[in-house]
């Protein structure tokens, strides 16, 4: 085997979790599912996957957030002496050769000792769009392959973020410590964020995610926290992310429902980011 432990974070999963796990399981040594306090309706699904050989489910009594759940899985992998951790969302799908493609990209890399994250190409099955972050990009958490030696050097995921920008914060931290990320161009992750729809605006096709107001709050708050941390060391990234936030707000105004509620959540999150309020929203 490849000495890889897969960590999947679940929260009220549906039946799609079962085939997703069954594709991942033969590619790794063990699959650890960290459940963030799912409802009774989803427990039978988790019970089904827990009976698959080599799959373990760790149950949290409450929703601790994606960062805390990931850290539980990472600590498990490190204590079990795994060399690699592959992180996944519950609704992400991969091909049977996904992990081998990721490791092949690593073997071809000329700076192996500096690699913190290997990430795939992302394919949105709803829109048919492919997303590439390029070399040394800041990819989403799902589908990443990380060497466990990196965590004692840069730390675990930031649990103050709870959800949203957890991935970006970790990537920026790795880059700040002199590590690099690589893109495995032959590895495809099938993933749709939110409930996406595609629209034509002037000369551009744009993707609208339709996230909830709560997700809007976390996204606005956490990106402001990152702006404050990195505006001196990553000014170009901060500038681009400010532009992305403006674009995001425009898409909400033009194409989404509950506009006032979502804009208020973004405003509140932005304020909390500037005053340094983090953690789970209460």
Protein backbone atom coordinates (compact mmCIF):
# COMPACT_ATOMS: atom_id res chain seq x y z
CA UNK A 1 0.00 0.00 0.00
CA UNK A 2 1.00 3.65 -0.28
CA UNK A 3 1.02 4.59 3.43
CA UNK A 4 -1.86 7.01 2.82
CA UNK A 5 -4.73 7.74 5.20
CA UNK A 6 -7.83 9.40 3.75
CA UNK A 7 -9.71 11.82 6.01
CA UNK A 8 -13.30 12.68 5.08
CA UNK A 9 -15.31 15.28 7.01
CA UNK A 10 -19.04 14.58 7.10
CA UNK A 11 -22.06 16.58 8.20
CA UNK A 12 -25.54 15.21 7.50
CA UNK A 13 -24.32 13.14 4.54
CA UNK A 14 -26.68 11.55 2.05
CA UNK A 15 -26.45 8.25 0.18
CA UNK A 16 -23.73 9.58 -2.16
CA UNK A 17 -21.23 9.12 0.68
CA UNK A 18 -21.28 5.33 0.30
CA UNK A 19 -20.06 5.10 -3.34
CA UNK A 20 -17.64 7.97 -2.75
CA UNK A 21 -16.00 6.07 0.11
CA UNK A 22 -15.97 2.80 -1.82
CA UNK A 23 -13.98 4.41 -4.64
CA UNK A 24 -11.47 5.99 -2.27
CA UNK A 25 -11.01 2.98 0.02
CA UNK A 26 -8.97 0.69 -2.36
CA UNK A 27 -6.60 3.56 -3.11
CA UNK A 28 -5.46 4.15 0.47
CA UNK A 29 -4.52 2.15 3.54
CA UNK A 30 -7.36 3.45 5.70
CA UNK A 31 -10.31 5.84 5.51
CA UNK A 32 -11.17 7.93 8.56
CA UNK A 33 -14.53 9.73 8.55
CA UNK A 34 -14.89 12.54 11.07
CA UNK A 35 -18.58 13.25 11.55
CA UNK A 36 -19.54 16.68 12.86
CA UNK A 37 -22.70 15.84 14.80
CA UNK A 38 -24.95 14.62 12.00
CA UNK A 39 -28.68 14.14 12.55
CA UNK A 40 -30.30 10.77 13.17
CA UNK A 41 -31.34 10.66 9.52
CA UNK A 42 -27.72 10.39 8.41
CA UNK A 43 -26.50 8.00 11.07
CA UNK A 44 -27.61 4.90 9.15
CA UNK A 45 -25.47 6.01 6.21
CA UNK A 46 -22.47 6.43 8.49
CA UNK A 47 -23.20 3.06 10.06
CA UNK A 48 -23.20 1.48 6.59
CA UNK A 49 -19.82 2.90 5.60
CA UNK A 50 -18.31 2.04 9.00
CA UNK A 51 -18.85 -1.64 8.16
CA UNK A 52 -16.56 -1.41 5.12
CA UNK A 53 -13.21 -2.99 5.92
CA UNK A 54 -10.57 -0.34 6.55
CA UNK A 55 -13.10 2.44 7.25
CA UNK A 56 -13.40 4.03 10.69
CA UNK A 57 -15.97 6.65 11.74
CA UNK A 58 -15.20 9.06 14.57
CA UNK A 59 -18.33 10.76 15.88
CA UNK A 60 -18.34 14.30 17.27
CA UNK A 61 -21.33 15.23 19.41
CA UNK A 62 -21.50 18.69 17.88
CA UNK A 63 -20.51 20.50 14.69
CA UNK A 64 -16.93 21.47 15.52
CA UNK A 65 -16.24 22.94 12.08
CA UNK A 66 -14.25 21.57 9.18
CA UNK A 67 -10.87 22.68 10.54
CA UNK A 68 -11.30 20.94 13.92
CA UNK A 69 -12.62 17.79 12.21
CA UNK A 70 -9.66 17.73 9.82
CA UNK A 71 -7.28 18.11 12.73
CA UNK A 72 -8.82 15.12 14.49
CA UNK A 73 -8.21 13.01 11.38
CA UNK A 74 -4.69 14.35 10.90
CA UNK A 75 -3.74 13.60 14.50
CA UNK A 76 -5.07 10.07 14.04
CA UNK A 77 -2.96 9.63 10.90
CA UNK A 78 0.15 10.99 12.57
CA UNK A 79 -0.27 8.76 15.62
CA UNK A 80 -0.63 5.79 13.24
CA UNK A 81 2.62 6.80 11.47
CA UNK A 82 1.05 7.43 8.06
CA UNK A 83 3.28 9.35 5.65
CA UNK A 84 0.41 10.98 3.75
CA UNK A 85 -3.05 12.38 4.51
CA UNK A 86 -5.61 12.81 1.73
CA UNK A 87 -8.43 15.20 2.68
CA UNK A 88 -11.92 15.06 1.17
CA UNK A 89 -15.36 16.62 1.50
CA UNK A 90 -18.19 14.11 1.83
CA UNK A 91 -19.63 14.95 -1.61
CA UNK A 92 -16.37 14.91 -3.59
CA UNK A 93 -15.88 12.12 -6.12
CA UNK A 94 -12.64 10.73 -7.55
CA UNK A 95 -11.56 8.26 -10.21
CA UNK A 96 -10.01 4.88 -9.25
CA UNK A 97 -6.50 6.12 -10.13
CA UNK A 98 -6.77 9.43 -8.24
CA UNK A 99 -4.22 8.77 -5.47
CA UNK A 100 -1.70 7.14 -7.82
CA UNK A 101 -1.93 10.19 -10.11
CA UNK A 102 -1.28 12.49 -7.17
CA UNK A 103 1.75 10.48 -6.07
CA UNK A 104 3.07 10.32 -9.63
CA UNK A 105 3.03 14.11 -9.77
CA UNK A 106 5.04 14.16 -6.57
CA UNK A 107 7.60 11.69 -7.94
CA UNK A 108 8.12 13.92 -10.98
CA UNK A 109 8.60 17.00 -8.81
CA UNK A 110 12.11 18.45 -8.65
CA UNK A 111 11.63 19.94 -5.16
CA UNK A 112 10.12 17.06 -3.19
CA UNK A 113 11.53 18.21 0.16
CA UNK A 114 9.71 21.52 -0.19
CA UNK A 115 6.25 20.14 -1.06
CA UNK A 116 3.48 20.85 1.45
CA UNK A 117 0.38 20.14 -0.65
CA UNK A 118 -0.41 18.19 -3.81
CA UNK A 119 -3.75 19.15 -5.35
CA UNK A 120 -5.79 18.02 -8.37
CA UNK A 121 -7.68 19.62 -11.22
CA UNK A 122 -11.26 20.37 -10.12
CA UNK A 123 -14.21 19.52 -12.33
CA UNK A 124 -17.69 20.83 -11.63
CA UNK A 125 -20.17 18.19 -12.89
CA UNK A 126 -23.05 20.68 -12.77
CA UNK A 127 -21.50 23.32 -15.01
CA UNK A 128 -18.88 21.24 -16.84
CA UNK A 129 -16.18 23.73 -15.86
CA UNK A 130 -12.59 22.73 -15.01
CA UNK A 131 -10.71 24.73 -12.40
CA UNK A 132 -6.93 24.86 -12.18
CA UNK A 133 -5.04 26.78 -9.49
CA UNK A 134 -1.67 26.33 -11.17
CA UNK A 135 1.70 25.69 -9.53
CA UNK A 136 2.03 27.19 -6.04
CA UNK A 137 -1.69 27.95 -5.97
CA UNK A 138 -4.04 28.06 -2.96
CA UNK A 139 -6.48 25.22 -3.67
CA UNK A 140 -9.57 24.06 -1.80
CA UNK A 141 -9.13 21.46 0.95
CA UNK A 142 -10.99 18.60 -0.71
CA UNK A 143 -8.74 16.38 -2.79
CA UNK A 144 -5.47 17.52 -1.25
CA UNK A 145 -2.63 15.12 -0.48
CA UNK A 146 -0.38 16.30 2.33
CA UNK A 147 2.81 14.77 3.79
CA UNK A 148 2.37 14.38 7.54
CA UNK A 149 5.85 15.78 8.22
CA UNK A 150 4.51 19.21 7.28
CA UNK A 151 2.24 19.63 10.31
CA UNK A 152 4.93 19.81 13.04
CA UNK A 153 6.63 22.47 10.90
CA UNK A 154 3.68 24.75 10.06
CA UNK A 155 0.93 23.64 12.47
CA UNK A 156 -2.51 22.18 11.94
CA UNK A 157 -5.56 23.81 10.35
CA UNK A 158 -6.72 26.99 12.09
CA UNK A 159 -9.77 26.05 14.15
CA UNK A 160 -10.73 29.70 14.67
CA UNK A 161 -11.88 29.76 11.03
CA UNK A 162 -14.48 27.00 11.58
CA UNK A 163 -15.41 26.85 7.86
CA UNK A 164 -14.47 28.80 4.71
CA UNK A 165 -10.94 29.98 3.94
CA UNK A 166 -9.58 27.15 6.08
CA UNK A 167 -7.81 25.87 2.98
CA UNK A 168 -6.50 29.25 1.85
CA UNK A 169 -5.17 30.10 5.32
CA UNK A 170 -3.27 26.81 5.52
CA UNK A 171 -1.81 27.26 2.02
CA UNK A 172 -0.67 30.81 2.70
CA UNK A 173 0.92 29.65 5.94
CA UNK A 174 2.81 26.88 4.14
CA UNK A 175 4.02 29.31 1.47
CA UNK A 176 5.07 31.78 4.18
CA UNK A 177 7.25 29.06 5.74
CA UNK A 178 8.99 28.46 2.42
CA UNK A 179 7.07 25.38 1.26
CA UNK A 180 5.41 24.91 -2.10
CA UNK A 181 2.31 23.32 -3.62
CA UNK A 182 2.08 21.30 -6.82
CA UNK A 183 -0.80 20.55 -9.15
CA UNK A 184 -1.36 16.95 -10.29
CA UNK A 185 -2.80 17.59 -13.74
CA UNK A 186 -3.82 13.96 -14.31
CA UNK A 187 -5.84 13.77 -11.08
CA UNK A 188 -9.44 14.99 -11.38
CA UNK A 189 -11.70 15.77 -8.43
CA UNK A 190 -15.43 16.00 -9.18
CA UNK A 191 -16.82 18.66 -6.89
CA UNK A 192 -19.65 21.22 -6.97
CA UNK A 193 -19.57 23.99 -4.36
CA UNK A 194 -22.98 25.03 -3.07
CA UNK A 195 -25.85 24.78 -5.56
CA UNK A 196 -24.14 26.35 -8.56
CA UNK A 197 -25.78 27.95 -11.55
CA UNK A 198 -24.05 29.45 -14.57
CA UNK A 199 -24.94 32.83 -16.08
CA UNK A 200 -23.78 35.04 -18.92
CA UNK A 201 -22.76 38.55 -17.85
CA UNK A 202 -21.57 40.77 -20.70
CA UNK A 203 -18.75 38.79 -22.35
CA UNK A 204 -18.13 36.40 -19.45
CA UNK A 205 -19.67 33.16 -18.14
CA UNK A 206 -19.89 33.41 -14.36
CA UNK A 207 -20.59 30.81 -11.69
CA UNK A 208 -23.00 31.58 -8.85
CA UNK A 209 -22.81 29.31 -5.79
CA UNK A 210 -26.04 30.27 -3.91
CA UNK A 211 -24.48 29.67 -0.50
CA UNK A 212 -26.51 30.34 2.65
CA UNK A 213 -26.25 33.65 4.55
CA UNK A 214 -24.26 31.84 7.26
CA UNK A 215 -21.65 30.72 4.73
CA UNK A 216 -21.54 34.31 3.49
CA UNK A 217 -20.80 35.44 7.04
CA UNK A 218 -17.93 32.97 7.50
CA UNK A 219 -16.46 33.72 4.09
CA UNK A 220 -16.47 37.49 4.63
CA UNK A 221 -15.15 37.27 8.19
CA UNK A 222 -12.34 34.84 7.50
CA UNK A 223 -11.09 36.55 4.36
CA UNK A 224 -10.81 39.83 6.28
CA UNK A 225 -8.81 38.04 8.98
CA UNK A 226 -6.45 36.82 6.25
CA UNK A 227 -6.16 40.29 4.70
CA UNK A 228 -4.99 41.59 8.07
CA UNK A 229 -2.44 38.79 8.43
CA UNK A 230 -0.97 38.85 4.93
CA UNK A 231 -1.36 42.32 3.43
CA UNK A 232 2.36 43.01 3.97
CA UNK A 233 3.75 39.62 2.84
CA UNK A 234 1.19 38.68 0.16
CA UNK A 235 -0.13 42.04 -1.11
CA UNK A 236 -0.96 40.71 -4.57
CA UNK A 237 -3.08 37.88 -3.12
CA UNK A 238 -4.90 40.34 -0.83
CA UNK A 239 -5.59 42.69 -3.75
CA UNK A 240 -6.99 39.85 -5.87
CA UNK A 241 -9.14 38.55 -3.03
CA UNK A 242 -10.65 41.98 -2.43
CA UNK A 243 -11.58 42.05 -6.12
CA UNK A 244 -13.04 38.54 -5.78
CA UNK A 245 -15.16 39.65 -2.83
CA UNK A 246 -16.57 42.57 -4.83
CA UNK A 247 -17.36 40.19 -7.71
CA UNK A 248 -19.00 37.78 -5.26
CA UNK A 249 -21.25 40.52 -3.87
CA UNK A 250 -22.25 41.61 -7.38
CA UNK A 251 -23.23 38.05 -8.27
CA UNK A 252 -25.41 37.85 -5.16
CA UNK A 253 -27.17 41.10 -6.07
CA UNK A 254 -27.72 40.08 -9.68
CA UNK A 255 -28.59 36.39 -9.45
CA UNK A 256 -29.35 35.14 -5.94
CA UNK A 257 -32.36 35.15 -3.62
CA UNK A 258 -32.54 36.60 -0.07
CA UNK A 259 -30.20 39.37 -1.18
CA UNK A 260 -30.73 41.67 1.82
CA UNK A 261 -30.20 38.84 4.32
CA UNK A 262 -27.04 37.68 2.55
CA UNK A 263 -25.60 41.18 2.27
CA UNK A 264 -26.27 41.81 5.95
CA UNK A 265 -24.46 38.56 6.83
CA UNK A 266 -21.48 39.62 4.71
CA UNK A 267 -21.44 43.05 6.36
CA UNK A 268 -21.57 41.49 9.81
CA UNK A 269 -18.83 39.00 8.92
CA UNK A 270 -16.65 41.80 7.56
CA UNK A 271 -17.06 43.76 10.79
CA UNK A 272 -16.26 40.71 12.94
CA UNK A 273 -13.18 40.06 10.82
CA UNK A 274 -11.84 43.55 11.42
CA UNK A 275 -12.47 43.39 15.18
CA UNK A 276 -10.95 39.89 15.39
CA UNK A 277 -14.01 37.83 16.32
CA UNK A 278 -13.50 34.23 15.19
CA UNK A 279 -14.71 30.70 15.97
CA UNK A 280 -18.20 29.29 15.60
CA UNK A 281 -20.90 31.86 14.96
CA UNK A 282 -23.24 32.24 17.94
